[in-house]
Amino acid sequence: MPLNRRGNPPARRTVVPAQSQGSHMSDIDAASPTSSEPTQLLVRSTLADTMRVDSRDGDHLGGVSAFMVHKGSGRVTHAVLSLGGFLGMGKSFYPLPFSLLSLDVVRDLYVVTIDRRMLEGGPSWANNPPVFNQSYADSVARYYEVPNENLANG
């Protein structure tokens, strides 16, 4: 039997076949209430450098720090805006339906179609992001008065 760098036998990996009608089951599926749906339909894609966001009046609000991307379709559903803070401390993050952003190609930035007060009163977090599931996406949509999006459809 070959040994690893530390002189120990390699760890054994056990593969457990899925128990449901021939479907493939990943670690993420095993934790879900129903094994046919993954627990998270969206993945957070963090930007290396934030993209500037201004209000429609031209005031600087913050930057897009991440996008929420549907795993199946690759479509962006939400932008995560970072506002405030100093040297990375005290920032707040606000999920915003992507339909509320428009790209200004001349200035290479996003413009939000809502005012700062509404944005700052919306769903947000400072340290630990919430589980971005259908329920949370619905609450964000309700706050910004945009149509609910069925995340299962992609």
Protein backbone atom coordinates (compact mmCIF):
# COMPACT_ATOMS: atom_id res chain seq x y z
CA MET A 1 0.00 0.00 0.00
CA PRO A 2 1.45 3.42 -0.94
CA LEU A 3 2.01 5.97 1.84
CA ASN A 4 1.42 9.73 1.76
CA ARG A 5 4.11 12.35 2.47
CA ARG A 6 3.70 11.89 6.21
CA GLY A 7 4.22 8.13 6.00
CA ASN A 8 0.56 7.30 6.65
CA PRO A 9 -1.72 5.25 4.42
CA PRO A 10 -3.98 7.43 2.26
CA ALA A 11 -7.44 8.23 3.61
CA ARG A 12 -10.21 6.04 2.27
CA ARG A 13 -13.10 7.71 0.51
CA THR A 14 -16.51 6.13 0.69
CA VAL A 15 -19.00 6.80 -2.07
CA VAL A 16 -22.62 6.29 -1.12
CA PRO A 17 -25.01 5.84 -4.07
CA ALA A 18 -28.17 7.92 -4.22
CA GLN A 19 -31.29 6.20 -2.92
CA SER A 20 -33.83 8.08 -5.07
CA GLN A 21 -35.04 6.86 -8.48
CA GLY A 22 -31.62 6.83 -10.13
CA SER A 23 -30.95 10.54 -9.59
CA HIS A 24 -27.52 11.80 -8.70
CA MET A 25 -27.23 13.26 -5.22
CA SER A 26 -24.47 15.65 -4.22
CA ASP A 27 -23.45 16.80 -0.75
CA ILE A 28 -25.52 19.95 -1.21
CA ASP A 29 -28.60 17.89 -2.12
CA ALA A 30 -28.28 15.68 0.95
CA ALA A 31 -28.90 18.63 3.27
CA SER A 32 -32.04 19.81 1.48
CA PRO A 33 -35.53 18.99 2.68
CA THR A 34 -36.30 17.28 -0.65
CA SER A 35 -33.49 15.48 -2.37
CA SER A 36 -34.63 16.62 -5.83
CA GLU A 37 -33.70 20.29 -5.29
CA PRO A 38 -30.37 21.79 -4.21
CA THR A 39 -30.41 23.90 -1.06
CA GLN A 40 -29.03 26.94 -2.88
CA LEU A 41 -30.14 27.85 -6.40
CA LEU A 42 -27.93 30.94 -6.46
CA VAL A 43 -24.21 31.32 -6.05
CA ARG A 44 -22.53 34.54 -4.97
CA SER A 45 -19.88 35.75 -7.41
CA THR A 46 -17.68 38.28 -5.63
CA LEU A 47 -15.92 40.94 -7.69
CA ALA A 48 -12.21 41.51 -7.16
CA ASP A 49 -12.80 45.26 -7.42
CA THR A 50 -16.16 46.88 -6.80
CA MET A 51 -17.95 48.56 -9.67
CA ARG A 52 -19.14 52.07 -8.83
CA VAL A 53 -22.86 52.72 -8.30
CA ASP A 54 -24.43 56.17 -8.53
CA SER A 55 -27.97 57.35 -7.93
CA ARG A 56 -30.02 58.62 -10.85
CA ASP A 57 -29.20 62.14 -9.55
CA GLY A 58 -25.47 61.47 -9.98
CA ASP A 59 -24.60 61.01 -6.29
CA HIS A 60 -22.08 58.26 -5.48
CA LEU A 61 -23.77 55.52 -3.41
CA GLY A 62 -21.23 52.71 -3.19
CA GLY A 63 -20.23 49.79 -5.35
CA VAL A 64 -21.34 46.40 -6.58
CA SER A 65 -19.28 43.93 -4.59
CA ALA A 66 -20.94 40.74 -5.86
CA PHE A 67 -23.58 39.32 -8.14
CA MET A 68 -26.03 36.56 -7.26
CA VAL A 69 -25.94 34.14 -10.19
CA HIS A 70 -28.37 31.31 -10.89
CA LYS A 71 -26.37 28.07 -10.88
CA GLY A 72 -28.32 26.45 -13.70
CA SER A 73 -28.73 29.29 -16.17
CA GLY A 74 -25.81 31.58 -15.28
CA ARG A 75 -28.21 34.54 -15.19
CA VAL A 76 -27.59 37.36 -12.71
CA THR A 77 -30.63 37.85 -10.48
CA HIS A 78 -29.33 40.35 -7.91
CA ALA A 79 -26.44 42.72 -7.38
CA VAL A 80 -24.98 43.04 -3.88
CA LEU A 81 -24.18 46.69 -3.19
CA SER A 82 -21.65 47.68 -0.55
CA LEU A 83 -22.26 51.02 1.11
CA GLY A 84 -20.41 52.97 3.77
CA GLY A 85 -17.53 51.76 5.83
CA PHE A 86 -13.95 52.89 6.15
CA LEU A 87 -10.95 50.71 5.28
CA GLY A 88 -13.23 47.70 4.95
CA MET A 89 -14.85 48.17 8.39
CA GLY A 90 -18.49 49.09 8.93
CA LYS A 91 -19.68 48.25 5.42
CA SER A 92 -23.25 47.21 4.87
CA PHE A 93 -24.39 45.01 2.01
CA TYR A 94 -27.70 45.43 0.19
CA PRO A 95 -29.14 42.91 -2.28
CA LEU A 96 -30.81 44.67 -5.15
CA PRO A 97 -32.82 43.06 -7.97
CA PHE A 98 -30.67 43.35 -11.07
CA SER A 99 -33.57 44.91 -12.98
CA LEU A 100 -33.19 48.08 -10.86
CA LEU A 101 -29.66 48.71 -12.17
CA SER A 102 -28.78 50.25 -15.49
CA LEU A 103 -25.31 50.39 -16.96
CA ASP A 104 -23.90 53.79 -17.93
CA VAL A 105 -21.40 52.73 -20.61
CA VAL A 106 -19.89 56.20 -20.95
CA ARG A 107 -18.95 56.49 -17.26
CA ASP A 108 -18.51 52.70 -16.81
CA LEU A 109 -20.72 52.44 -13.73
CA TYR A 110 -24.16 51.31 -12.65
CA VAL A 111 -27.01 53.70 -11.93
CA VAL A 112 -29.76 52.68 -9.52
CA THR A 113 -33.28 53.83 -10.19
CA ILE A 114 -34.18 54.23 -6.50
CA ASP A 115 -33.11 56.88 -4.01
CA ARG A 116 -30.54 56.38 -1.25
CA ARG A 117 -33.09 56.48 1.60
CA MET A 118 -35.08 53.62 0.11
CA LEU A 119 -31.90 51.62 -0.50
CA GLU A 120 -30.61 52.15 3.05
CA GLY A 121 -33.98 51.10 4.51
CA GLY A 122 -34.01 47.87 2.54
CA PRO A 123 -32.88 44.35 3.34
CA SER A 124 -29.20 44.31 4.30
CA TRP A 125 -26.49 42.66 6.36
CA ALA A 126 -23.16 43.70 7.85
CA ASN A 127 -21.24 40.52 8.70
CA ASN A 128 -23.00 37.30 7.80
CA PRO A 129 -24.97 37.17 4.56
CA PRO A 130 -28.39 35.55 4.79
CA VAL A 131 -29.32 32.32 3.06
CA PHE A 132 -30.36 33.64 -0.34
CA ASN A 133 -33.26 31.30 -1.01
CA GLN A 134 -36.67 31.83 -2.63
CA SER A 135 -38.14 33.28 0.56
CA TYR A 136 -35.37 35.87 0.91
CA ALA A 137 -35.55 36.77 -2.80
CA ASP A 138 -39.31 37.27 -2.41
CA SER A 139 -38.82 39.61 0.58
CA VAL A 140 -36.29 41.67 -1.43
CA ALA A 141 -38.72 41.85 -4.37
CA ARG A 142 -41.58 42.92 -2.07
CA TYR A 143 -39.50 45.69 -0.52
CA TYR A 144 -38.46 47.13 -3.89
CA GLU A 145 -41.93 46.51 -5.38
CA VAL A 146 -40.68 44.46 -8.31
CA PRO A 147 -42.23 41.20 -9.54
CA ASN A 148 -41.24 38.06 -7.63
CA GLU A 149 -38.83 35.84 -9.49
CA ASN A 150 -39.15 32.07 -9.36
CA LEU A 151 -35.55 31.02 -8.72
CA ALA A 152 -36.32 27.40 -9.63
CA ASN A 153 -36.94 28.46 -13.24
CA GLY A 154 -33.52 30.01 -13.62
